[in-house]
Amino acid sequence: MVFKTKGTCSSQISFDIVDGKLHNVIFTGGCNGNLKGIGALVEGQDAKDVAARLEGIRCGFKSTSCPDQLSQAIKQALN
């Protein structure tokens, strides 16, 4: 899955969902170290659980964030 982000410093997120588990999460752009950390933390986790945990997180004054965009991407991929 490749998801084009909106309202964040990262421009896209790519990932795989295999048997309901999240794998290979890669953000393009954004805060490199933090986003690699998010990818490592969610590796192998249940996609629905990750989406629920990350939904609604905001970055400063923005109405979304890279984690929130990952949540939106996961929900889109699962539908």
PDB file of N, CA and C in Angstrom:
ATOM      1  N   MET A   1       0.856  -1.178   0.000  1.00  0.00           N
ATOM      2  CA  MET A   1       0.000   0.000   0.000  1.00  0.00           C
ATOM      3  C   MET A   1       0.893   1.229   0.000  1.00  0.00           C
ATOM      4  N   VAL A   2       0.567   2.178  -0.830  1.00  0.00           N
ATOM      5  CA  VAL A   2       1.233   3.474  -0.820  1.00  0.00           C
ATOM      6  C   VAL A   2       0.149   4.521  -0.605  1.00  0.00           C
ATOM      7  N   PHE A   3       0.328   5.337   0.427  1.00  0.00           N
ATOM      8  CA  PHE A   3      -0.662   6.324   0.823  1.00  0.00           C
ATOM      9  C   PHE A   3      -0.025   7.702   0.748  1.00  0.00           C
ATOM     10  N   LYS A   4      -0.648   8.608   0.000  1.00  0.00           N
ATOM     11  CA  LYS A   4      -0.190  10.000  -0.083  1.00  0.00           C
ATOM     12  C   LYS A   4      -0.749  10.758   1.112  1.00  0.00           C
ATOM     13  N   THR A   5       0.129  11.300   1.930  1.00  0.00           N
ATOM     14  CA  THR A   5      -0.307  11.999   3.136  1.00  0.00           C
ATOM     15  C   THR A   5      -0.806  13.401   2.817  1.00  0.00           C
ATOM     16  N   LYS A   6      -1.571  13.940   3.753  1.00  0.00           N
ATOM     17  CA  LYS A   6      -2.096  15.304   3.638  1.00  0.00           C
ATOM     18  C   LYS A   6      -1.865  16.024   4.952  1.00  0.00           C
ATOM     19  N   GLY A   7      -1.303  17.235   4.887  1.00  0.00           N
ATOM     20  CA  GLY A   7      -1.154  18.065   6.074  1.00  0.00           C
ATOM     21  C   GLY A   7       0.031  17.721   6.962  1.00  0.00           C
ATOM     22  N   THR A   8       1.000  16.951   6.432  1.00  0.00           N
ATOM     23  CA  THR A   8       2.174  16.574   7.228  1.00  0.00           C
ATOM     24  C   THR A   8       3.454  16.855   6.452  1.00  0.00           C
ATOM     25  N   CYS A   9       4.563  16.811   7.169  1.00  0.00           N
ATOM     26  CA  CYS A   9       5.863  16.999   6.523  1.00  0.00           C
ATOM     27  C   CYS A   9       6.228  15.804   5.640  1.00  0.00           C
ATOM     28  N   SER A  10       5.799  14.609   6.029  1.00  0.00           N
ATOM     29  CA  SER A  10       6.026  13.447   5.168  1.00  0.00           C
ATOM     30  C   SER A  10       5.067  13.521   3.989  1.00  0.00           C
ATOM     31  N   SER A  11       5.485  12.976   2.855  1.00  0.00           N
ATOM     32  CA  SER A  11       4.650  13.056   1.654  1.00  0.00           C
ATOM     33  C   SER A  11       3.920  11.755   1.343  1.00  0.00           C
ATOM     34  N   GLN A  12       4.436  10.630   1.847  1.00  0.00           N
ATOM     35  CA  GLN A  12       3.740   9.367   1.628  1.00  0.00           C
ATOM     36  C   GLN A  12       4.200   8.334   2.643  1.00  0.00           C
ATOM     37  N   ILE A  13       3.377   7.292   2.773  1.00  0.00           N
ATOM     38  CA  ILE A  13       3.671   6.167   3.647  1.00  0.00           C
ATOM     39  C   ILE A  13       3.452   4.901   2.839  1.00  0.00           C
ATOM     40  N   SER A  14       4.419   4.004   2.890  1.00  0.00           N
ATOM     41  CA  SER A  14       4.221   2.699   2.254  1.00  0.00           C
ATOM     42  C   SER A  14       4.297   1.626   3.336  1.00  0.00           C
ATOM     43  N   PHE A  15       3.525   0.567   3.176  1.00  0.00           N
ATOM     44  CA  PHE A  15       3.493  -0.514   4.154  1.00  0.00           C
ATOM     45  C   PHE A  15       2.782  -1.716   3.563  1.00  0.00           C
ATOM     46  N   ASP A  16       2.918  -2.831   4.243  1.00  0.00           N
ATOM     47  CA  ASP A  16       2.223  -4.065   3.881  1.00  0.00           C
ATOM     48  C   ASP A  16       1.374  -4.501   5.063  1.00  0.00           C
ATOM     49  N   ILE A  17       0.250  -5.141   4.764  1.00  0.00           N
ATOM     50  CA  ILE A  17      -0.541  -5.808   5.786  1.00  0.00           C
ATOM     51  C   ILE A  17      -0.642  -7.266   5.355  1.00  0.00           C
ATOM     52  N   VAL A  18      -0.099  -8.149   6.199  1.00  0.00           N
ATOM     53  CA  VAL A  18      -0.102  -9.582   5.921  1.00  0.00           C
ATOM     54  C   VAL A  18      -0.768 -10.281   7.095  1.00  0.00           C
ATOM     55  N   ASP A  19      -1.842 -10.988   6.815  1.00  0.00           N
ATOM     56  CA  ASP A  19      -2.601 -11.679   7.864  1.00  0.00           C
ATOM     57  C   ASP A  19      -2.977 -10.736   9.000  1.00  0.00           C
ATOM     58  N   GLY A  20      -3.347  -9.506   8.651  1.00  0.00           N
ATOM     59  CA  GLY A  20      -3.806  -8.533   9.628  1.00  0.00           C
ATOM     60  C   GLY A  20      -2.693  -7.835  10.396  1.00  0.00           C
ATOM     61  N   LYS A  21      -1.447  -8.151  10.078  1.00  0.00           N
ATOM     62  CA  LYS A  21      -0.293  -7.563  10.778  1.00  0.00           C
ATOM     63  C   LYS A  21       0.407  -6.556   9.880  1.00  0.00           C
ATOM     64  N   LEU A  22       0.925  -5.500  10.483  1.00  0.00           N
ATOM     65  CA  LEU A  22       1.582  -4.408   9.773  1.00  0.00           C
ATOM     66  C   LEU A  22       3.067  -4.716   9.583  1.00  0.00           C
ATOM     67  N   HIS A  23       3.572  -4.477   8.370  1.00  0.00           N
ATOM     68  CA  HIS A  23       4.976  -4.743   8.053  1.00  0.00           C
ATOM     69  C   HIS A  23       5.525  -3.668   7.120  1.00  0.00           C
ATOM     70  N   ASN A  24       6.830  -3.449   7.198  1.00  0.00           N
ATOM     71  CA  ASN A  24       7.568  -2.604   6.246  1.00  0.00           C
ATOM     72  C   ASN A  24       7.031  -1.174   6.153  1.00  0.00           C
ATOM     73  N   VAL A  25       6.734  -0.551   7.283  1.00  0.00           N
ATOM     74  CA  VAL A  25       6.230   0.821   7.282  1.00  0.00           C
ATOM     75  C   VAL A  25       7.387   1.769   6.975  1.00  0.00           C
ATOM     76  N   ILE A  26       7.248   2.520   5.889  1.00  0.00           N
ATOM     77  CA  ILE A  26       8.277   3.472   5.471  1.00  0.00           C
ATOM     78  C   ILE A  26       7.606   4.800   5.147  1.00  0.00           C
ATOM     79  N   PHE A  27       8.055   5.860   5.830  1.00  0.00           N
ATOM     80  CA  PHE A  27       7.587   7.214   5.565  1.00  0.00           C
ATOM     81  C   PHE A  27       8.575   7.880   4.618  1.00  0.00           C
ATOM     82  N   THR A  28       8.076   8.653   3.666  1.00  0.00           N
ATOM     83  CA  THR A  28       8.919   9.455   2.781  1.00  0.00           C
ATOM     84  C   THR A  28       8.839  10.898   3.251  1.00  0.00           C
ATOM     85  N   GLY A  29       9.990  11.475   3.580  1.00  0.00           N
ATOM     86  CA  GLY A  29      10.027  12.831   4.112  1.00  0.00           C
ATOM     87  C   GLY A  29       9.719  12.836   5.591  1.00  0.00           C
ATOM     88  N   GLY A  30       9.603  14.014   6.155  1.00  0.00           N
ATOM     89  CA  GLY A  30       9.293  14.135   7.568  1.00  0.00           C
ATOM     90  C   GLY A  30      10.507  13.968   8.454  1.00  0.00           C
ATOM     91  N   CYS A  31      10.285  13.740   9.717  1.00  0.00           N
ATOM     92  CA  CYS A  31      11.347  13.601  10.723  1.00  0.00           C
ATOM     93  C   CYS A  31      11.891  12.177  10.680  1.00  0.00           C
ATOM     94  N   ASN A  32      12.967  11.992   9.966  1.00  0.00           N
ATOM     95  CA  ASN A  32      13.492  10.679   9.625  1.00  0.00           C
ATOM     96  C   ASN A  32      13.618   9.736  10.820  1.00  0.00           C
ATOM     97  N   GLY A  33      14.313  10.146  11.856  1.00  0.00           N
ATOM     98  CA  GLY A  33      14.529   9.260  12.999  1.00  0.00           C
ATOM     99  C   GLY A  33      13.240   8.889  13.704  1.00  0.00           C
ATOM    100  N   ASN A  34      12.383   9.874  13.946  1.00  0.00           N
ATOM    101  CA  ASN A  34      11.113   9.600  14.626  1.00  0.00           C
ATOM    102  C   ASN A  34      10.231   8.664  13.804  1.00  0.00           C
ATOM    103  N   LEU A  35      10.201   8.869  12.500  1.00  0.00           N
ATOM    104  CA  LEU A  35       9.328   8.049  11.663  1.00  0.00           C
ATOM    105  C   LEU A  35       9.883   6.644  11.481  1.00  0.00           C
ATOM    106  N   LYS A  36      11.212   6.495  11.465  1.00  0.00           N
ATOM    107  CA  LYS A  36      11.797   5.147  11.471  1.00  0.00           C
ATOM    108  C   LYS A  36      11.448   4.447  12.780  1.00  0.00           C
ATOM    109  N   GLY A  37      11.439   5.216  13.874  1.00  0.00           N
ATOM    110  CA  GLY A  37      11.067   4.661  15.172  1.00  0.00           C
ATOM    111  C   GLY A  37       9.636   4.167  15.194  1.00  0.00           C
ATOM    112  N   ILE A  38       8.728   4.950  14.640  1.00  0.00           N
ATOM    113  CA  ILE A  38       7.325   4.517  14.560  1.00  0.00           C
ATOM    114  C   ILE A  38       7.230   3.234  13.749  1.00  0.00           C
ATOM    115  N   GLY A  39       7.917   3.190  12.609  1.00  0.00           N
ATOM    116  CA  GLY A  39       7.904   1.986  11.777  1.00  0.00           C
ATOM    117  C   GLY A  39       8.392   0.765  12.534  1.00  0.00           C
ATOM    118  N   ALA A  40       9.460   0.927  13.320  1.00  0.00           N
ATOM    119  CA  ALA A  40      10.003  -0.188  14.090  1.00  0.00           C
ATOM    120  C   ALA A  40       9.033  -0.623  15.195  1.00  0.00           C
ATOM    121  N   LEU A  41       8.397   0.342  15.846  1.00  0.00           N
ATOM    122  CA  LEU A  41       7.476   0.025  16.936  1.00  0.00           C
ATOM    123  C   LEU A  41       6.232  -0.709  16.462  1.00  0.00           C
ATOM    124  N   VAL A  42       5.751  -0.404  15.270  1.00  0.00           N
ATOM    125  CA  VAL A  42       4.508  -1.026  14.796  1.00  0.00           C
ATOM    126  C   VAL A  42       4.751  -2.292  13.983  1.00  0.00           C
ATOM    127  N   GLU A  43       6.001  -2.607  13.674  1.00  0.00           N
ATOM    128  CA  GLU A  43       6.326  -3.802  12.882  1.00  0.00           C
ATOM    129  C   GLU A  43       5.745  -5.051  13.539  1.00  0.00           C
ATOM    130  N   GLY A  44       4.941  -5.789  12.779  1.00  0.00           N
ATOM    131  CA  GLY A  44       4.360  -7.037  13.254  1.00  0.00           C
ATOM    132  C   GLY A  44       3.146  -6.884  14.151  1.00  0.00           C
ATOM    133  N   GLN A  45       2.726  -5.644  14.412  1.00  0.00           N
ATOM    134  CA  GLN A  45       1.572  -5.394  15.278  1.00  0.00           C
ATOM    135  C   GLN A  45       0.263  -5.539  14.487  1.00  0.00           C
ATOM    136  N   ASP A  46      -0.811  -5.799  15.206  1.00  0.00           N
ATOM    137  CA  ASP A  46      -2.126  -5.891  14.576  1.00  0.00           C
ATOM    138  C   ASP A  46      -2.491  -4.540  13.966  1.00  0.00           C
ATOM    139  N   ALA A  47      -2.810  -4.533  12.679  1.00  0.00           N
ATOM    140  CA  ALA A  47      -3.066  -3.290  11.950  1.00  0.00           C
ATOM    141  C   ALA A  47      -4.229  -2.505  12.556  1.00  0.00           C
ATOM    142  N   LYS A  48      -5.296  -3.189  12.934  1.00  0.00           N
ATOM    143  CA  LYS A  48      -6.456  -2.500  13.520  1.00  0.00           C
ATOM    144  C   LYS A  48      -6.091  -1.837  14.841  1.00  0.00           C
ATOM    145  N   ASP A  49      -5.296  -2.514  15.652  1.00  0.00           N
ATOM    146  CA  ASP A  49      -4.877  -1.948  16.933  1.00  0.00           C
ATOM    147  C   ASP A  49      -4.006  -0.715  16.732  1.00  0.00           C
ATOM    148  N   VAL A  50      -3.085  -0.783  15.780  1.00  0.00           N
ATOM    149  CA  VAL A  50      -2.204   0.353  15.491  1.00  0.00           C
ATOM    150  C   VAL A  50      -3.040   1.544  15.035  1.00  0.00           C
ATOM    151  N   ALA A  51      -3.988   1.305  14.122  1.00  0.00           N
ATOM    152  CA  ALA A  51      -4.838   2.388  13.621  1.00  0.00           C
ATOM    153  C   ALA A  51      -5.608   3.041  14.762  1.00  0.00           C
ATOM    154  N   ALA A  52      -6.135   2.239  15.674  1.00  0.00           N
ATOM    155  CA  ALA A  52      -6.910   2.777  16.796  1.00  0.00           C
ATOM    156  C   ALA A  52      -6.025   3.603  17.733  1.00  0.00           C
ATOM    157  N   ARG A  53      -4.800   3.154  17.988  1.00  0.00           N
ATOM    158  CA  ARG A  53      -3.898   3.871  18.900  1.00  0.00           C
ATOM    159  C   ARG A  53      -3.425   5.195  18.326  1.00  0.00           C
ATOM    160  N   LEU A  54      -3.205   5.245  17.020  1.00  0.00           N
ATOM    161  CA  LEU A  54      -2.605   6.433  16.406  1.00  0.00           C
ATOM    162  C   LEU A  54      -3.629   7.462  15.932  1.00  0.00           C
ATOM    163  N   GLU A  55      -4.864   7.062  15.785  1.00  0.00           N
ATOM    164  CA  GLU A  55      -5.895   7.967  15.263  1.00  0.00           C
ATOM    165  C   GLU A  55      -6.060   9.189  16.157  1.00  0.00           C
ATOM    166  N   GLY A  56      -6.081  10.355  15.529  1.00  0.00           N
ATOM    167  CA  GLY A  56      -6.368  11.593  16.233  1.00  0.00           C
ATOM    168  C   GLY A  56      -5.165  12.302  16.827  1.00  0.00           C
ATOM    169  N   ILE A  57      -3.971  11.715  16.730  1.00  0.00           N
ATOM    170  CA  ILE A  57      -2.777  12.385  17.232  1.00  0.00           C
ATOM    171  C   ILE A  57      -2.520  13.602  16.354  1.00  0.00           C
ATOM    172  N   ARG A  58      -2.236  14.729  17.008  1.00  0.00           N
ATOM    173  CA  ARG A  58      -2.002  15.976  16.274  1.00  0.00           C
ATOM    174  C   ARG A  58      -0.550  16.392  16.420  1.00  0.00           C
ATOM    175  N   CYS A  59      -0.057  17.122  15.438  1.00  0.00           N
ATOM    176  CA  CYS A  59       1.305  17.657  15.461  1.00  0.00           C
ATOM    177  C   CYS A  59       1.214  19.172  15.616  1.00  0.00           C
ATOM    178  N   GLY A  60       1.516  19.648  16.828  1.00  0.00           N
ATOM    179  CA  GLY A  60       1.454  21.085  17.079  1.00  0.00           C
ATOM    180  C   GLY A  60       0.085  21.654  16.766  1.00  0.00           C
ATOM    181  N   PHE A  61       0.069  22.680  15.923  1.00  0.00           N
ATOM    182  CA  PHE A  61      -1.183  23.354  15.560  1.00  0.00           C
ATOM    183  C   PHE A  61      -1.920  22.673  14.413  1.00  0.00           C
ATOM    184  N   LYS A  62      -1.308  21.659  13.807  1.00  0.00           N
ATOM    185  CA  LYS A  62      -1.933  20.974  12.665  1.00  0.00           C
ATOM    186  C   LYS A  62      -3.081  20.083  13.136  1.00  0.00           C
ATOM    187  N   SER A  63      -4.001  19.814  12.246  1.00  0.00           N
ATOM    188  CA  SER A  63      -5.150  18.968  12.591  1.00  0.00           C
ATOM    189  C   SER A  63      -4.850  17.487  12.436  1.00  0.00           C
ATOM    190  N   THR A  64      -3.629  17.146  12.023  1.00  0.00           N
ATOM    191  CA  THR A  64      -3.230  15.755  11.821  1.00  0.00           C
ATOM    192  C   THR A  64      -1.755  15.618  12.182  1.00  0.00           C
ATOM    193  N   SER A  65      -1.196  14.448  11.954  1.00  0.00           N
ATOM    194  CA  SER A  65       0.215  14.173  12.197  1.00  0.00           C
ATOM    195  C   SER A  65       0.609  12.972  11.354  1.00  0.00           C
ATOM    196  N   CYS A  66       1.873  12.663  11.330  1.00  0.00           N
ATOM    197  CA  CYS A  66       2.312  11.468  10.599  1.00  0.00           C
ATOM    198  C   CYS A  66       1.693  10.195  11.195  1.00  0.00           C
ATOM    199  N   PRO A  67       1.653  10.042  12.535  1.00  0.00           N
ATOM    200  CA  PRO A  67       0.976   8.871  13.079  1.00  0.00           C
ATOM    201  C   PRO A  67      -0.514   8.822  12.723  1.00  0.00           C
ATOM    202  N   ASP A  68      -1.187   9.966  12.765  1.00  0.00           N
ATOM    203  CA  ASP A  68      -2.602  10.009  12.394  1.00  0.00           C
ATOM    204  C   ASP A  68      -2.790   9.637  10.923  1.00  0.00           C
ATOM    205  N   GLN A  69      -1.889  10.101  10.079  1.00  0.00           N
ATOM    206  CA  GLN A  69      -1.973   9.753   8.666  1.00  0.00           C
ATOM    207  C   GLN A  69      -1.743   8.256   8.457  1.00  0.00           C
ATOM    208  N   LEU A  70      -0.846   7.650   9.248  1.00  0.00           N
ATOM    209  CA  LEU A  70      -0.663   6.196   9.176  1.00  0.00           C
ATOM    210  C   LEU A  70      -1.953   5.494   9.569  1.00  0.00           C
ATOM    211  N   SER A  71      -2.623   5.991  10.592  1.00  0.00           N
ATOM    212  CA  SER A  71      -3.911   5.426  10.997  1.00  0.00           C
ATOM    213  C   SER A  71      -4.912   5.481   9.845  1.00  0.00           C
ATOM    214  N   GLN A  72      -4.999   6.634   9.189  1.00  0.00           N
ATOM    215  CA  GLN A  72      -5.928   6.782   8.064  1.00  0.00           C
ATOM    216  C   GLN A  72      -5.564   5.826   6.918  1.00  0.00           C
ATOM    217  N   ALA A  73      -4.269   5.685   6.669  1.00  0.00           N
ATOM    218  CA  ALA A  73      -3.807   4.792   5.601  1.00  0.00           C
ATOM    219  C   ALA A  73      -4.167   3.338   5.904  1.00  0.00           C
ATOM    220  N   ILE A  74      -3.963   2.936   7.141  1.00  0.00           N
ATOM    221  CA  ILE A  74      -4.286   1.552   7.536  1.00  0.00           C
ATOM    222  C   ILE A  74      -5.777   1.311   7.367  1.00  0.00           C
ATOM    223  N   LYS A  75      -6.599   2.236   7.851  1.00  0.00           N
ATOM    224  CA  LYS A  75      -8.051   2.057   7.727  1.00  0.00           C
ATOM    225  C   LYS A  75      -8.468   1.963   6.267  1.00  0.00           C
ATOM    226  N   GLN A  76      -7.855   2.774   5.417  1.00  0.00           N
ATOM    227  CA  GLN A  76      -8.173   2.708   3.986  1.00  0.00           C
ATOM    228  C   GLN A  76      -7.758   1.361   3.407  1.00  0.00           C
ATOM    229  N   ALA A  77      -6.606   0.863   3.788  1.00  0.00           N
ATOM    230  CA  ALA A  77      -6.128  -0.420   3.270  1.00  0.00           C
ATOM    231  C   ALA A  77      -6.992  -1.582   3.736  1.00  0.00           C
ATOM    232  N   LEU A  78      -7.550  -1.472   4.925  1.00  0.00           N
ATOM    233  CA  LEU A  78      -8.370  -2.567   5.464  1.00  0.00           C
ATOM    234  C   LEU A  78      -9.779  -2.589   4.884  1.00  0.00           C
ATOM    235  N   ASN A  79     -10.201  -1.495   4.283  1.00  0.00           N
ATOM    236  CA  ASN A  79     -11.574  -1.434   3.708  1.00  0.00           C
ATOM    237  C   ASN A  79     -11.615  -1.903   2.287  1.00  0.00           C
TER     238      ASN A  79
END
